[in-house]
Amino acid sequence: MKRINRIDSTGCQVLGQTYLLFKQKKIELAMSYMDLHSNQWGLLSEEGLVSIFGKERFFSDTSLAVEYFEDSILEKHKDELNLPQEISLDEFFKYKGINEKESRIISNYLEKVNFRADEKIISFGDTEKSIFFLVKGSVDVIIPISKERKKRLLTSTFGSMFGEMSLIDGSPRSADIIARELSTCFKLSSANFYKLKNDYPEITLNLYAAIARITAERLRAASHTISELEE
């Protein structure tokens, strides 16, 4: 509903009928860019649309709506999926193309840090330049849209890294990183990064290569998303 400026009673009836039709076909439906802070919320309530959908199916943006369905699917199938809850540091680096010997050396320069649910790990605009290797839990990447509004770009789960861009280009942090749940990271501070670089230049080069691969993957994913939006 991002570009909907006005909705009348007929529109509410059509949306309600569409929801019920989809429900009969076992198709889930939610509404984004329409919540209790929206100008149209009063009309939606009066016309019974909120009751038909349920308040839990209205979201301030599409990202949150998608997250709702992701969580619902994972909760429904969690027993059969038997998903792992964390990854070891050796496994983390193995998937990034760094062998066990190099991983053990890098681990000497890392600090293990735990974060509570909803705890901010990185703040937008910060000049601190550590890299974080996430081995347990998940984090949200959030950018400010305005003083009042923020947008979740994505959720990263264990096995991902974040914070590397500020270390590479020296610029302030470009997003907030907030723990979604109890999460564990291994932190590589900028001081320890440069110490590793001086002590083991070849290993640092391999770490740079891993960061470059991850950055390339993110750029390709962003390009794919942009091209889909343009179609």
C-alpha atoms as a PDB file:
ATOM      1  CA  MET A   1       0.000   0.000   0.000  1.00  0.00           C
ATOM      2  CA  LYS A   2       3.064   2.245  -0.248  1.00  0.00           C
ATOM      3  CA  ARG A   3       1.664   4.415  -3.066  1.00  0.00           C
ATOM      4  CA  ILE A   4      -1.975   4.370  -1.917  1.00  0.00           C
ATOM      5  CA  ASN A   5      -2.960   7.855  -0.744  1.00  0.00           C
ATOM      6  CA  ARG A   6      -6.648   7.146  -0.233  1.00  0.00           C
ATOM      7  CA  ILE A   7      -8.923   4.141   0.132  1.00  0.00           C
ATOM      8  CA  ASP A   8     -12.742   4.180   0.315  1.00  0.00           C
ATOM      9  CA  SER A   9     -15.293   1.723   1.689  1.00  0.00           C
ATOM     10  CA  THR A  10     -15.597  -0.090  -1.646  1.00  0.00           C
ATOM     11  CA  GLY A  11     -11.839  -0.598  -1.724  1.00  0.00           C
ATOM     12  CA  CYS A  12     -11.964  -2.006   1.817  1.00  0.00           C
ATOM     13  CA  GLN A  13     -14.685  -4.465   0.771  1.00  0.00           C
ATOM     14  CA  VAL A  14     -12.635  -5.638  -2.224  1.00  0.00           C
ATOM     15  CA  LEU A  15      -9.556  -6.147  -0.043  1.00  0.00           C
ATOM     16  CA  GLY A  16     -11.608  -8.074   2.515  1.00  0.00           C
ATOM     17  CA  GLN A  17     -13.096 -10.301  -0.190  1.00  0.00           C
ATOM     18  CA  THR A  18      -9.647 -10.867  -1.679  1.00  0.00           C
ATOM     19  CA  TYR A  19      -8.271 -11.909   1.703  1.00  0.00           C
ATOM     20  CA  LEU A  20     -11.092 -14.414   2.259  1.00  0.00           C
ATOM     21  CA  LEU A  21     -10.715 -15.807  -1.270  1.00  0.00           C
ATOM     22  CA  PHE A  22      -6.974 -16.284  -0.762  1.00  0.00           C
ATOM     23  CA  LYS A  23      -7.593 -17.887   2.623  1.00  0.00           C
ATOM     24  CA  GLN A  24      -9.870 -20.498   1.013  1.00  0.00           C
ATOM     25  CA  LYS A  25      -7.019 -21.348  -1.363  1.00  0.00           C
ATOM     26  CA  LYS A  26      -4.556 -21.504   1.566  1.00  0.00           C
ATOM     27  CA  ILE A  27      -2.723 -18.422   0.330  1.00  0.00           C
ATOM     28  CA  GLU A  28      -1.398 -16.107   3.040  1.00  0.00           C
ATOM     29  CA  LEU A  29      -1.904 -12.372   2.652  1.00  0.00           C
ATOM     30  CA  ALA A  30      -0.593  -9.371   4.575  1.00  0.00           C
ATOM     31  CA  MET A  31      -0.695  -5.629   4.028  1.00  0.00           C
ATOM     32  CA  SER A  32       2.427  -3.470   4.133  1.00  0.00           C
ATOM     33  CA  TYR A  33       2.765   0.315   4.470  1.00  0.00           C
ATOM     34  CA  MET A  34      -0.510   0.305   6.365  1.00  0.00           C
ATOM     35  CA  ASP A  35      -0.598   0.173  10.176  1.00  0.00           C
ATOM     36  CA  LEU A  36      -2.203   1.944  13.138  1.00  0.00           C
ATOM     37  CA  HIS A  37      -0.116   5.066  12.393  1.00  0.00           C
ATOM     38  CA  SER A  38      -1.509   5.336   8.843  1.00  0.00           C
ATOM     39  CA  ASN A  39      -4.088   7.968   7.933  1.00  0.00           C
ATOM     40  CA  GLN A  40      -6.426   5.283   6.598  1.00  0.00           C
ATOM     41  CA  TRP A  41      -6.306   3.089   9.724  1.00  0.00           C
ATOM     42  CA  GLY A  42      -9.529   4.499  11.164  1.00  0.00           C
ATOM     43  CA  LEU A  43     -11.469   3.682   7.999  1.00  0.00           C
ATOM     44  CA  LEU A  44      -9.962   0.184   7.793  1.00  0.00           C
ATOM     45  CA  SER A  45     -11.112  -0.452  11.365  1.00  0.00           C
ATOM     46  CA  GLU A  46     -14.620   0.939  10.752  1.00  0.00           C
ATOM     47  CA  GLU A  47     -15.042  -1.156   7.619  1.00  0.00           C
ATOM     48  CA  GLY A  48     -13.997  -4.318   9.460  1.00  0.00           C
ATOM     49  CA  LEU A  49     -10.841  -4.900   7.431  1.00  0.00           C
ATOM     50  CA  VAL A  50      -8.636  -4.959  10.528  1.00  0.00           C
ATOM     51  CA  SER A  51     -10.859  -7.626  12.069  1.00  0.00           C
ATOM     52  CA  ILE A  52     -10.836  -9.715   8.879  1.00  0.00           C
ATOM     53  CA  PHE A  53      -7.059  -9.582   8.435  1.00  0.00           C
ATOM     54  CA  GLY A  54      -6.094  -9.428  12.091  1.00  0.00           C
ATOM     55  CA  LYS A  55      -3.878  -6.643  13.447  1.00  0.00           C
ATOM     56  CA  GLU A  56      -0.815  -8.894  13.204  1.00  0.00           C
ATOM     57  CA  ARG A  57      -1.028  -8.814   9.382  1.00  0.00           C
ATOM     58  CA  PHE A  58      -0.535  -5.055   8.976  1.00  0.00           C
ATOM     59  CA  PHE A  59       3.035  -3.785   8.709  1.00  0.00           C
ATOM     60  CA  SER A  60       4.843  -0.482   8.356  1.00  0.00           C
ATOM     61  CA  ASP A  61       6.874  -1.810   5.401  1.00  0.00           C
ATOM     62  CA  THR A  62       7.158  -4.866   3.166  1.00  0.00           C
ATOM     63  CA  SER A  63      10.358  -6.073   4.789  1.00  0.00           C
ATOM     64  CA  LEU A  64       8.550  -6.610   8.104  1.00  0.00           C
ATOM     65  CA  ALA A  65       5.711  -8.413   6.331  1.00  0.00           C
ATOM     66  CA  VAL A  66       8.126 -10.806   4.644  1.00  0.00           C
ATOM     67  CA  GLU A  67       9.855 -11.354   7.990  1.00  0.00           C
ATOM     68  CA  TYR A  68       6.492 -12.268   9.544  1.00  0.00           C
ATOM     69  CA  PHE A  69       5.948 -15.023   6.967  1.00  0.00           C
ATOM     70  CA  GLU A  70       9.546 -16.223   7.191  1.00  0.00           C
ATOM     71  CA  ASP A  71       9.208 -16.615  10.949  1.00  0.00           C
ATOM     72  CA  SER A  72       5.835 -18.350  10.544  1.00  0.00           C
ATOM     73  CA  ILE A  73       7.248 -20.896   8.077  1.00  0.00           C
ATOM     74  CA  LEU A  74      10.315 -21.596  10.215  1.00  0.00           C
ATOM     75  CA  GLU A  75       8.193 -22.018  13.340  1.00  0.00           C
ATOM     76  CA  LYS A  76       5.815 -24.380  11.547  1.00  0.00           C
ATOM     77  CA  HIS A  77       8.603 -26.603  10.198  1.00  0.00           C
ATOM     78  CA  LYS A  78      11.275 -26.210  12.886  1.00  0.00           C
ATOM     79  CA  ASP A  79      11.037 -29.829  14.060  1.00  0.00           C
ATOM     80  CA  GLU A  80      11.429 -31.382  10.626  1.00  0.00           C
ATOM     81  CA  LEU A  81      14.079 -28.902   9.493  1.00  0.00           C
ATOM     82  CA  ASN A  82      16.285 -29.562  12.534  1.00  0.00           C
ATOM     83  CA  LEU A  83      18.204 -26.343  11.857  1.00  0.00           C
ATOM     84  CA  PRO A  84      21.585 -25.832  13.553  1.00  0.00           C
ATOM     85  CA  GLN A  85      21.740 -23.050  16.121  1.00  0.00           C
ATOM     86  CA  GLU A  86      25.347 -21.959  15.656  1.00  0.00           C
ATOM     87  CA  ILE A  87      28.562 -22.567  13.770  1.00  0.00           C
ATOM     88  CA  SER A  88      32.118 -23.026  15.027  1.00  0.00           C
ATOM     89  CA  LEU A  89      34.782 -20.467  14.181  1.00  0.00           C
ATOM     90  CA  ASP A  90      36.712 -23.092  12.182  1.00  0.00           C
ATOM     91  CA  GLU A  91      33.591 -23.884  10.148  1.00  0.00           C
ATOM     92  CA  PHE A  92      32.926 -20.182   9.673  1.00  0.00           C
ATOM     93  CA  PHE A  93      36.318 -19.554   8.092  1.00  0.00           C
ATOM     94  CA  LYS A  94      36.245 -22.839   6.152  1.00  0.00           C
ATOM     95  CA  TYR A  95      33.139 -21.644   4.297  1.00  0.00           C
ATOM     96  CA  LYS A  96      34.963 -18.386   3.557  1.00  0.00           C
ATOM     97  CA  GLY A  97      37.897 -20.198   1.925  1.00  0.00           C
ATOM     98  CA  ILE A  98      40.305 -19.971   4.876  1.00  0.00           C
ATOM     99  CA  ASN A  99      41.939 -23.226   5.997  1.00  0.00           C
ATOM    100  CA  GLU A 100      42.060 -24.554   9.544  1.00  0.00           C
ATOM    101  CA  LYS A 101      45.656 -23.499  10.219  1.00  0.00           C
ATOM    102  CA  GLU A 102      44.973 -19.928   9.127  1.00  0.00           C
ATOM    103  CA  SER A 103      41.724 -19.934  11.096  1.00  0.00           C
ATOM    104  CA  ARG A 104      43.573 -20.878  14.299  1.00  0.00           C
ATOM    105  CA  ILE A 105      46.040 -18.040  13.784  1.00  0.00           C
ATOM    106  CA  ILE A 106      43.282 -15.491  13.085  1.00  0.00           C
ATOM    107  CA  SER A 107      41.400 -16.622  16.204  1.00  0.00           C
ATOM    108  CA  ASN A 108      44.276 -15.349  18.373  1.00  0.00           C
ATOM    109  CA  TYR A 109      43.420 -11.816  17.253  1.00  0.00           C
ATOM    110  CA  LEU A 110      39.688 -12.092  17.927  1.00  0.00           C
ATOM    111  CA  GLU A 111      37.516 -11.227  20.906  1.00  0.00           C
ATOM    112  CA  LYS A 112      34.385 -13.277  21.617  1.00  0.00           C
ATOM    113  CA  VAL A 113      31.374 -11.050  22.324  1.00  0.00           C
ATOM    114  CA  ASN A 114      27.782 -11.960  23.255  1.00  0.00           C
ATOM    115  CA  PHE A 115      24.808  -9.693  22.547  1.00  0.00           C
ATOM    116  CA  ARG A 116      21.330  -9.747  24.047  1.00  0.00           C
ATOM    117  CA  ALA A 117      18.184  -9.645  21.917  1.00  0.00           C
ATOM    118  CA  ASP A 118      17.549  -6.066  20.673  1.00  0.00           C
ATOM    119  CA  GLU A 119      21.033  -4.949  21.724  1.00  0.00           C
ATOM    120  CA  LYS A 120      22.682  -2.561  19.271  1.00  0.00           C
ATOM    121  CA  ILE A 121      26.011  -3.867  17.989  1.00  0.00           C
ATOM    122  CA  ILE A 122      26.838  -1.096  15.517  1.00  0.00           C
ATOM    123  CA  SER A 123      25.336   2.403  15.328  1.00  0.00           C
ATOM    124  CA  PHE A 124      24.797   4.384  12.131  1.00  0.00           C
ATOM    125  CA  GLY A 125      27.495   7.071  11.810  1.00  0.00           C
ATOM    126  CA  ASP A 126      29.946   5.463  14.239  1.00  0.00           C
ATOM    127  CA  THR A 127      33.629   5.736  13.331  1.00  0.00           C
ATOM    128  CA  GLU A 128      34.678   2.542  15.142  1.00  0.00           C
ATOM    129  CA  LYS A 129      36.026   0.049  12.585  1.00  0.00           C
ATOM    130  CA  SER A 130      35.785  -3.517  13.857  1.00  0.00           C
ATOM    131  CA  ILE A 131      34.709  -6.535  11.801  1.00  0.00           C
ATOM    132  CA  PHE A 132      32.250  -8.996  13.357  1.00  0.00           C
ATOM    133  CA  PHE A 133      32.027 -12.700  12.520  1.00  0.00           C
ATOM    134  CA  LEU A 134      28.586 -13.984  13.529  1.00  0.00           C
ATOM    135  CA  VAL A 135      28.645 -17.603  14.753  1.00  0.00           C
ATOM    136  CA  LYS A 136      25.353 -17.776  16.680  1.00  0.00           C
ATOM    137  CA  GLY A 137      22.014 -15.994  16.382  1.00  0.00           C
ATOM    138  CA  SER A 138      20.955 -13.350  13.887  1.00  0.00           C
ATOM    139  CA  VAL A 139      21.122  -9.593  13.400  1.00  0.00           C
ATOM    140  CA  ASP A 140      19.067  -6.943  11.583  1.00  0.00           C
ATOM    141  CA  VAL A 141      20.665  -4.396   9.268  1.00  0.00           C
ATOM    142  CA  ILE A 142      18.676  -1.169   9.613  1.00  0.00           C
ATOM    143  CA  ILE A 143      19.075   2.239   7.956  1.00  0.00           C
ATOM    144  CA  PRO A 144      17.425   5.520   8.978  1.00  0.00           C
ATOM    145  CA  ILE A 145      14.926   6.859   6.420  1.00  0.00           C
ATOM    146  CA  SER A 146      14.090   9.941   8.476  1.00  0.00           C
ATOM    147  CA  LYS A 147      14.294  11.059  12.097  1.00  0.00           C
ATOM    148  CA  GLU A 148      11.130   9.106  12.887  1.00  0.00           C
ATOM    149  CA  ARG A 149      11.447   6.128  10.564  1.00  0.00           C
ATOM    150  CA  LYS A 150      13.932   3.351   9.986  1.00  0.00           C
ATOM    151  CA  LYS A 151      13.957   0.486   7.497  1.00  0.00           C
ATOM    152  CA  ARG A 152      15.263  -3.040   7.880  1.00  0.00           C
ATOM    153  CA  LEU A 153      17.376  -3.910   4.840  1.00  0.00           C
ATOM    154  CA  LEU A 154      17.993  -7.533   5.693  1.00  0.00           C
ATOM    155  CA  THR A 155      18.544 -10.070   8.427  1.00  0.00           C
ATOM    156  CA  SER A 156      21.885 -11.876   8.626  1.00  0.00           C
ATOM    157  CA  THR A 157      22.148 -15.213  10.402  1.00  0.00           C
ATOM    158  CA  PHE A 158      25.155 -17.057  11.812  1.00  0.00           C
ATOM    159  CA  GLY A 159      27.871 -17.684   9.246  1.00  0.00           C
ATOM    160  CA  SER A 160      27.858 -14.067   8.047  1.00  0.00           C
ATOM    161  CA  MET A 161      30.197 -11.156   8.692  1.00  0.00           C
ATOM    162  CA  PHE A 162      29.420  -7.470   9.013  1.00  0.00           C
ATOM    163  CA  GLY A 163      31.183  -4.182   9.673  1.00  0.00           C
ATOM    164  CA  GLU A 164      33.933  -4.807   7.136  1.00  0.00           C
ATOM    165  CA  MET A 165      33.182  -1.836   4.865  1.00  0.00           C
ATOM    166  CA  SER A 166      34.215   0.797   7.421  1.00  0.00           C
ATOM    167  CA  LEU A 167      37.524  -0.973   7.925  1.00  0.00           C
ATOM    168  CA  ILE A 168      38.136  -1.061   4.176  1.00  0.00           C
ATOM    169  CA  ASP A 169      37.208   2.513   3.213  1.00  0.00           C
ATOM    170  CA  GLY A 170      37.507   4.287   6.591  1.00  0.00           C
ATOM    171  CA  SER A 171      34.013   5.788   6.324  1.00  0.00           C
ATOM    172  CA  PRO A 172      31.525   5.966   9.217  1.00  0.00           C
ATOM    173  CA  ARG A 173      29.099   3.095   9.703  1.00  0.00           C
ATOM    174  CA  SER A 174      26.339   3.109   7.076  1.00  0.00           C
ATOM    175  CA  ALA A 175      23.678   1.242   9.104  1.00  0.00           C
ATOM    176  CA  ASP A 176      22.578   0.100  12.537  1.00  0.00           C
ATOM    177  CA  ILE A 177      23.217  -3.563  13.344  1.00  0.00           C
ATOM    178  CA  ILE A 178      20.896  -4.918  16.042  1.00  0.00           C
ATOM    179  CA  ALA A 179      20.806  -8.420  17.505  1.00  0.00           C
ATOM    180  CA  ARG A 180      17.451 -10.134  16.875  1.00  0.00           C
ATOM    181  CA  GLU A 181      18.122 -12.754  19.539  1.00  0.00           C
ATOM    182  CA  LEU A 182      20.913 -13.875  21.829  1.00  0.00           C
ATOM    183  CA  SER A 183      23.867 -13.760  19.419  1.00  0.00           C
ATOM    184  CA  THR A 184      27.578 -14.496  19.544  1.00  0.00           C
ATOM    185  CA  CYS A 185      30.219 -12.792  17.440  1.00  0.00           C
ATOM    186  CA  PHE A 186      33.985 -12.845  17.179  1.00  0.00           C
ATOM    187  CA  LYS A 187      35.209  -9.278  16.902  1.00  0.00           C
ATOM    188  CA  LEU A 188      38.313  -8.260  14.980  1.00  0.00           C
ATOM    189  CA  SER A 189      39.209  -4.718  16.017  1.00  0.00           C
ATOM    190  CA  SER A 190      41.024  -2.405  13.627  1.00  0.00           C
ATOM    191  CA  ALA A 191      44.093  -2.470  15.907  1.00  0.00           C
ATOM    192  CA  ASN A 192      44.207  -6.281  15.850  1.00  0.00           C
ATOM    193  CA  PHE A 193      43.522  -6.320  12.121  1.00  0.00           C
ATOM    194  CA  TYR A 194      46.626  -4.237  11.439  1.00  0.00           C
ATOM    195  CA  LYS A 195      48.594  -6.326  13.926  1.00  0.00           C
ATOM    196  CA  LEU A 196      47.528  -9.462  12.023  1.00  0.00           C
ATOM    197  CA  LYS A 197      48.518  -7.732   8.799  1.00  0.00           C
ATOM    198  CA  ASN A 198      52.021  -7.065  10.119  1.00  0.00           C
ATOM    199  CA  ASP A 199      52.438 -10.516  11.669  1.00  0.00           C
ATOM    200  CA  TYR A 200      50.865 -12.622   8.915  1.00  0.00           C
ATOM    201  CA  PRO A 201      50.526 -10.659   5.648  1.00  0.00           C
ATOM    202  CA  GLU A 202      49.604 -13.728   3.571  1.00  0.00           C
ATOM    203  CA  ILE A 203      46.787 -14.739   5.925  1.00  0.00           C
ATOM    204  CA  THR A 204      45.519 -11.164   5.944  1.00  0.00           C
ATOM    205  CA  LEU A 205      45.511 -11.241   2.133  1.00  0.00           C
ATOM    206  CA  ASN A 206      43.342 -14.387   2.249  1.00  0.00           C
ATOM    207  CA  LEU A 207      41.000 -12.636   4.680  1.00  0.00           C
ATOM    208  CA  TYR A 208      40.789  -9.676   2.298  1.00  0.00           C
ATOM    209  CA  ALA A 209      39.915 -12.117  -0.496  1.00  0.00           C
ATOM    210  CA  ALA A 210      37.107 -13.619   1.617  1.00  0.00           C
ATOM    211  CA  ILE A 211      35.738 -10.133   2.324  1.00  0.00           C
ATOM    212  CA  ALA A 212      35.909  -9.300  -1.402  1.00  0.00           C
ATOM    213  CA  ARG A 213      33.938 -12.447  -2.301  1.00  0.00           C
ATOM    214  CA  ILE A 214      31.243 -11.632   0.232  1.00  0.00           C
ATOM    215  CA  THR A 215      31.043  -8.034  -1.007  1.00  0.00           C
ATOM    216  CA  ALA A 216      30.717  -9.265  -4.605  1.00  0.00           C
ATOM    217  CA  GLU A 217      27.897 -11.628  -3.596  1.00  0.00           C
ATOM    218  CA  ARG A 218      26.050  -8.771  -1.908  1.00  0.00           C
ATOM    219  CA  LEU A 219      26.457  -6.524  -4.954  1.00  0.00           C
ATOM    220  CA  ARG A 220      25.157  -9.251  -7.262  1.00  0.00           C
ATOM    221  CA  ALA A 221      22.158  -9.796  -5.001  1.00  0.00           C
ATOM    222  CA  ALA A 222      21.490  -6.038  -4.927  1.00  0.00           C
ATOM    223  CA  SER A 223      21.755  -5.838  -8.729  1.00  0.00           C
ATOM    224  CA  HIS A 224      19.311  -8.728  -9.071  1.00  0.00           C
ATOM    225  CA  THR A 225      16.836  -7.032  -6.736  1.00  0.00           C
ATOM    226  CA  ILE A 226      17.126  -3.720  -8.616  1.00  0.00           C
ATOM    227  CA  SER A 227      16.552  -5.408 -11.979  1.00  0.00           C
ATOM    228  CA  GLU A 228      13.449  -7.153 -10.607  1.00  0.00           C
ATOM    229  CA  LEU A 229      12.069  -3.845  -9.367  1.00  0.00           C
ATOM    230  CA  GLU A 230      12.642  -2.267 -12.791  1.00  0.00           C
ATOM    231  CA  GLU A 231      10.699  -5.004 -14.635  1.00  0.00           C
END
